[in-house]
């Protein structure tokens, strides 16, 4: 999408992105969020290095 938007100058007005949003209790967030990521990502391999920046990726 980045290439389409910035390199090709394509309009993204009619583009929709599917996402999965999981709301978790803050008390268990640090332990459960990495587990959700590890178990729900079946198409793209997730390595331990992907979790290095984990605390900075939370909203």
PDB file of N, CA and C in Angstrom:
ATOM      1  N   UNK A   1       0.813  -1.167   0.000  1.00  0.00           N
ATOM      2  CA  UNK A   1       0.000   0.000   0.000  1.00  0.00           C
ATOM      3  C   UNK A   1       0.866   1.244   0.000  1.00  0.00           C
ATOM      4  N   UNK A   2       1.950   1.200   0.713  1.00  0.00           N
ATOM      5  CA  UNK A   2       2.825   2.364   0.747  1.00  0.00           C
ATOM      6  C   UNK A   2       3.338   2.700  -0.651  1.00  0.00           C
ATOM      7  N   UNK A   3       3.768   1.681  -1.397  1.00  0.00           N
ATOM      8  CA  UNK A   3       4.224   1.926  -2.769  1.00  0.00           C
ATOM      9  C   UNK A   3       3.100   2.459  -3.636  1.00  0.00           C
ATOM     10  N   UNK A   4       1.916   1.879  -3.497  1.00  0.00           N
ATOM     11  CA  UNK A   4       0.778   2.332  -4.298  1.00  0.00           C
ATOM     12  C   UNK A   4       0.475   3.798  -4.010  1.00  0.00           C
ATOM     13  N   UNK A   5       0.504   4.161  -2.755  1.00  0.00           N
ATOM     14  CA  UNK A   5       0.148   5.522  -2.365  1.00  0.00           C
ATOM     15  C   UNK A   5       1.228   6.540  -2.710  1.00  0.00           C
ATOM     16  N   UNK A   6       2.463   6.240  -2.315  1.00  0.00           N
ATOM     17  CA  UNK A   6       3.518   7.246  -2.438  1.00  0.00           C
ATOM     18  C   UNK A   6       4.328   7.140  -3.728  1.00  0.00           C
ATOM     19  N   UNK A   7       4.612   5.941  -4.183  1.00  0.00           N
ATOM     20  CA  UNK A   7       5.399   5.784  -5.411  1.00  0.00           C
ATOM     21  C   UNK A   7       4.521   5.930  -6.651  1.00  0.00           C
ATOM     22  N   UNK A   8       3.379   5.241  -6.652  1.00  0.00           N
ATOM     23  CA  UNK A   8       2.490   5.256  -7.813  1.00  0.00           C
ATOM     24  C   UNK A   8       1.442   6.361  -7.749  1.00  0.00           C
ATOM     25  N   UNK A   9       1.371   7.063  -6.629  1.00  0.00           N
ATOM     26  CA  UNK A   9       0.391   8.148  -6.428  1.00  0.00           C
ATOM     27  C   UNK A   9      -1.045   7.666  -6.609  1.00  0.00           C
ATOM     28  N   UNK A  10      -1.307   6.419  -6.238  1.00  0.00           N
ATOM     29  CA  UNK A  10      -2.649   5.846  -6.369  1.00  0.00           C
ATOM     30  C   UNK A  10      -3.537   6.317  -5.221  1.00  0.00           C
ATOM     31  N   UNK A  11      -4.803   6.406  -5.497  1.00  0.00           N
ATOM     32  CA  UNK A  11      -5.777   6.764  -4.474  1.00  0.00           C
ATOM     33  C   UNK A  11      -6.096   5.529  -3.633  1.00  0.00           C
ATOM     34  N   UNK A  12      -6.184   5.715  -2.342  1.00  0.00           N
ATOM     35  CA  UNK A  12      -6.557   4.624  -1.441  1.00  0.00           C
ATOM     36  C   UNK A  12      -7.961   4.838  -0.875  1.00  0.00           C
ATOM     37  N   UNK A  13      -8.745   5.679  -1.542  1.00  0.00           N
ATOM     38  CA  UNK A  13     -10.079   6.014  -1.049  1.00  0.00           C
ATOM     39  C   UNK A  13     -10.999   4.805  -0.919  1.00  0.00           C
ATOM     40  N   UNK A  14     -10.884   3.831  -1.791  1.00  0.00           N
ATOM     41  CA  UNK A  14     -11.783   2.671  -1.754  1.00  0.00           C
ATOM     42  C   UNK A  14     -11.088   1.409  -1.258  1.00  0.00           C
ATOM     43  N   UNK A  15     -10.031   1.576  -0.484  1.00  0.00           N
ATOM     44  CA  UNK A  15      -9.276   0.448   0.051  1.00  0.00           C
ATOM     45  C   UNK A  15      -9.725   0.185   1.483  1.00  0.00           C
ATOM     46  N   UNK A  16      -9.968  -1.061   1.785  1.00  0.00           N
ATOM     47  CA  UNK A  16     -10.355  -1.468   3.132  1.00  0.00           C
ATOM     48  C   UNK A  16      -9.368  -2.510   3.633  1.00  0.00           C
ATOM     49  N   UNK A  17      -8.985  -2.403   4.880  1.00  0.00           N
ATOM     50  CA  UNK A  17      -8.022  -3.315   5.481  1.00  0.00           C
ATOM     51  C   UNK A  17      -8.718  -4.099   6.587  1.00  0.00           C
ATOM     52  N   UNK A  18      -8.619  -5.410   6.494  1.00  0.00           N
ATOM     53  CA  UNK A  18      -9.196  -6.255   7.534  1.00  0.00           C
ATOM     54  C   UNK A  18      -8.203  -6.356   8.684  1.00  0.00           C
ATOM     55  N   UNK A  19      -8.701  -6.284   9.897  1.00  0.00           N
ATOM     56  CA  UNK A  19      -7.842  -6.426  11.065  1.00  0.00           C
ATOM     57  C   UNK A  19      -8.581  -7.166  12.165  1.00  0.00           C
ATOM     58  N   UNK A  20      -7.824  -7.702  13.058  1.00  0.00           N
ATOM     59  CA  UNK A  20      -8.395  -8.368  14.222  1.00  0.00           C
ATOM     60  C   UNK A  20      -7.980  -7.551  15.437  1.00  0.00           C
ATOM     61  N   UNK A  21      -8.936  -7.125  16.214  1.00  0.00           N
ATOM     62  CA  UNK A  21      -8.680  -6.314  17.395  1.00  0.00           C
ATOM     63  C   UNK A  21      -9.081  -7.114  18.622  1.00  0.00           C
ATOM     64  N   UNK A  22      -8.156  -7.266  19.538  1.00  0.00           N
ATOM     65  CA  UNK A  22      -8.428  -7.989  20.773  1.00  0.00           C
ATOM     66  C   UNK A  22      -8.221  -7.042  21.937  1.00  0.00           C
ATOM     67  N   UNK A  23      -9.248  -6.862  22.742  1.00  0.00           N
ATOM     68  CA  UNK A  23      -9.148  -6.011  23.921  1.00  0.00           C
ATOM     69  C   UNK A  23      -8.841  -6.900  25.119  1.00  0.00           C
ATOM     70  N   UNK A  24      -7.763  -6.582  25.822  1.00  0.00           N
ATOM     71  CA  UNK A  24      -7.377  -7.385  26.984  1.00  0.00           C
ATOM     72  C   UNK A  24      -7.258  -6.491  28.207  1.00  0.00           C
ATOM     73  N   UNK A  25      -7.449  -7.090  29.348  1.00  0.00           N
ATOM     74  CA  UNK A  25      -7.324  -6.386  30.615  1.00  0.00           C
ATOM     75  C   UNK A  25      -5.873  -5.943  30.801  1.00  0.00           C
ATOM     76  N   UNK A  26      -5.660  -4.725  31.244  1.00  0.00           N
ATOM     77  CA  UNK A  26      -4.307  -4.189  31.408  1.00  0.00           C
ATOM     78  C   UNK A  26      -3.465  -5.014  32.369  1.00  0.00           C
ATOM     79  N   UNK A  27      -4.098  -5.647  33.335  1.00  0.00           N
ATOM     80  CA  UNK A  27      -3.361  -6.431  34.327  1.00  0.00           C
ATOM     81  C   UNK A  27      -2.674  -7.650  33.721  1.00  0.00           C
ATOM     82  N   UNK A  28      -3.211  -8.174  32.626  1.00  0.00           N
ATOM     83  CA  UNK A  28      -2.608  -9.365  32.012  1.00  0.00           C
ATOM     84  C   UNK A  28      -2.031  -9.085  30.628  1.00  0.00           C
ATOM     85  N   UNK A  29      -2.058  -7.834  30.213  1.00  0.00           N
ATOM     86  CA  UNK A  29      -1.633  -7.479  28.855  1.00  0.00           C
ATOM     87  C   UNK A  29      -0.198  -7.897  28.552  1.00  0.00           C
ATOM     88  N   UNK A  30       0.728  -7.642  29.466  1.00  0.00           N
ATOM     89  CA  UNK A  30       2.135  -7.957  29.194  1.00  0.00           C
ATOM     90  C   UNK A  30       2.379  -9.437  28.984  1.00  0.00           C
ATOM     91  N   UNK A  31       1.577 -10.274  29.590  1.00  0.00           N
ATOM     92  CA  UNK A  31       1.794 -11.714  29.433  1.00  0.00           C
ATOM     93  C   UNK A  31       0.994 -12.303  28.274  1.00  0.00           C
ATOM     94  N   UNK A  32      -0.153 -11.734  27.971  1.00  0.00           N
ATOM     95  CA  UNK A  32      -1.018 -12.361  26.968  1.00  0.00           C
ATOM     96  C   UNK A  32      -0.804 -11.836  25.547  1.00  0.00           C
ATOM     97  N   UNK A  33      -0.422 -10.585  25.382  1.00  0.00           N
ATOM     98  CA  UNK A  33      -0.276 -10.027  24.033  1.00  0.00           C
ATOM     99  C   UNK A  33       0.776 -10.767  23.207  1.00  0.00           C
ATOM    100  N   UNK A  34       1.966 -11.044  23.744  1.00  0.00           N
ATOM    101  CA  UNK A  34       2.927 -11.822  22.942  1.00  0.00           C
ATOM    102  C   UNK A  34       2.406 -13.214  22.591  1.00  0.00           C
ATOM    103  N   UNK A  35       1.668 -13.841  23.505  1.00  0.00           N
ATOM    104  CA  UNK A  35       1.107 -15.169  23.228  1.00  0.00           C
ATOM    105  C   UNK A  35       0.066 -15.110  22.115  1.00  0.00           C
ATOM    106  N   UNK A  36      -0.754 -14.078  22.104  1.00  0.00           N
ATOM    107  CA  UNK A  36      -1.750 -13.917  21.039  1.00  0.00           C
ATOM    108  C   UNK A  36      -1.036 -13.764  19.703  1.00  0.00           C
ATOM    109  N   UNK A  37      -0.001 -12.947  19.675  1.00  0.00           N
ATOM    110  CA  UNK A  37       0.748 -12.737  18.430  1.00  0.00           C
ATOM    111  C   UNK A  37       1.396 -14.018  17.943  1.00  0.00           C
ATOM    112  N   UNK A  38       1.976 -14.771  18.853  1.00  0.00           N
ATOM    113  CA  UNK A  38       2.643 -16.013  18.462  1.00  0.00           C
ATOM    114  C   UNK A  38       1.655 -17.036  17.914  1.00  0.00           C
ATOM    115  N   UNK A  39       0.509 -17.160  18.538  1.00  0.00           N
ATOM    116  CA  UNK A  39      -0.425 -18.217  18.145  1.00  0.00           C
ATOM    117  C   UNK A  39      -1.348 -17.827  16.998  1.00  0.00           C
ATOM    118  N   UNK A  40      -1.549 -16.551  16.754  1.00  0.00           N
ATOM    119  CA  UNK A  40      -2.491 -16.155  15.705  1.00  0.00           C
ATOM    120  C   UNK A  40      -1.820 -15.881  14.372  1.00  0.00           C
ATOM    121  N   UNK A  41      -0.517 -15.892  14.321  1.00  0.00           N
ATOM    122  CA  UNK A  41       0.179 -15.583  13.084  1.00  0.00           C
ATOM    123  C   UNK A  41       0.608 -16.878  12.415  1.00  0.00           C
ATOM    124  N   UNK A  42      -0.249 -17.428  11.573  1.00  0.00           N
ATOM    125  CA  UNK A  42       0.041 -18.715  10.942  1.00  0.00           C
ATOM    126  C   UNK A  42       0.618 -18.573   9.531  1.00  0.00           C
ATOM    127  N   UNK A  43       0.503 -17.406   8.911  1.00  0.00           N
ATOM    128  CA  UNK A  43       1.004 -17.237   7.550  1.00  0.00           C
ATOM    129  C   UNK A  43       2.406 -16.652   7.501  1.00  0.00           C
ATOM    130  N   UNK A  44       2.725 -15.786   8.422  1.00  0.00           N
ATOM    131  CA  UNK A  44       4.045 -15.155   8.455  1.00  0.00           C
ATOM    132  C   UNK A  44       4.754 -15.565   9.733  1.00  0.00           C
ATOM    133  N   UNK A  45       5.964 -16.084   9.588  1.00  0.00           N
ATOM    134  CA  UNK A  45       6.719 -16.531  10.748  1.00  0.00           C
ATOM    135  C   UNK A  45       7.019 -15.355  11.669  1.00  0.00           C
ATOM    136  N   UNK A  46       6.799 -15.557  12.948  1.00  0.00           N
ATOM    137  CA  UNK A  46       7.111 -14.560  13.954  1.00  0.00           C
ATOM    138  C   UNK A  46       8.291 -15.080  14.752  1.00  0.00           C
ATOM    139  N   UNK A  47       9.378 -14.308  14.772  1.00  0.00           N
ATOM    140  CA  UNK A  47      10.551 -14.721  15.539  1.00  0.00           C
ATOM    141  C   UNK A  47      10.593 -13.941  16.848  1.00  0.00           C
ATOM    142  N   UNK A  48      11.431 -14.387  17.761  1.00  0.00           N
ATOM    143  CA  UNK A  48      11.560 -13.699  19.045  1.00  0.00           C
ATOM    144  C   UNK A  48      12.038 -12.262  18.849  1.00  0.00           C
ATOM    145  N   UNK A  49      12.814 -12.006  17.816  1.00  0.00           N
ATOM    146  CA  UNK A  49      13.296 -10.645  17.551  1.00  0.00           C
ATOM    147  C   UNK A  49      12.140  -9.695  17.255  1.00  0.00           C
ATOM    148  N   UNK A  50      11.037 -10.216  16.745  1.00  0.00           N
ATOM    149  CA  UNK A  50       9.869  -9.383  16.455  1.00  0.00           C
ATOM    150  C   UNK A  50       9.249  -8.809  17.722  1.00  0.00           C
ATOM    151  N   UNK A  51       9.545  -9.417  18.863  1.00  0.00           N
ATOM    152  CA  UNK A  51       8.962  -8.967  20.125  1.00  0.00           C
ATOM    153  C   UNK A  51       9.890  -8.030  20.889  1.00  0.00           C
ATOM    154  N   UNK A  52      11.043  -7.721  20.320  1.00  0.00           N
ATOM    155  CA  UNK A  52      12.012  -6.849  20.977  1.00  0.00           C
ATOM    156  C   UNK A  52      11.400  -5.489  21.294  1.00  0.00           C
ATOM    157  N   UNK A  53      10.615  -4.951  20.370  1.00  0.00           N
ATOM    158  CA  UNK A  53      10.014  -3.629  20.553  1.00  0.00           C
ATOM    159  C   UNK A  53       8.607  -3.702  21.131  1.00  0.00           C
ATOM    160  N   UNK A  54       8.209  -4.855  21.621  1.00  0.00           N
ATOM    161  CA  UNK A  54       6.840  -5.073  22.088  1.00  0.00           C
ATOM    162  C   UNK A  54       6.292  -3.971  22.990  1.00  0.00           C
ATOM    163  N   UNK A  55       6.995  -3.540  24.046  1.00  0.00           N
ATOM    164  CA  UNK A  55       6.394  -2.514  24.920  1.00  0.00           C
ATOM    165  C   UNK A  55       6.060  -1.222  24.189  1.00  0.00           C
ATOM    166  N   UNK A  56       6.761  -0.941  23.090  1.00  0.00           N
ATOM    167  CA  UNK A  56       6.531   0.307  22.356  1.00  0.00           C
ATOM    168  C   UNK A  56       5.389   0.190  21.357  1.00  0.00           C
ATOM    169  N   UNK A  57       4.909  -1.018  21.109  1.00  0.00           N
ATOM    170  CA  UNK A  57       3.867  -1.216  20.113  1.00  0.00           C
ATOM    171  C   UNK A  57       2.468  -1.207  20.709  1.00  0.00           C
ATOM    172  N   UNK A  58       2.357  -1.186  22.017  1.00  0.00           N
ATOM    173  CA  UNK A  58       1.041  -1.198  22.661  1.00  0.00           C
ATOM    174  C   UNK A  58       0.392   0.165  22.575  1.00  0.00           C
ATOM    175  N   UNK A  59      -0.925   0.163  22.452  1.00  0.00           N
ATOM    176  CA  UNK A  59      -1.675   1.427  22.423  1.00  0.00           C
ATOM    177  C   UNK A  59      -2.170   1.762  23.798  1.00  0.00           C
TER     178      UNK A  59
END
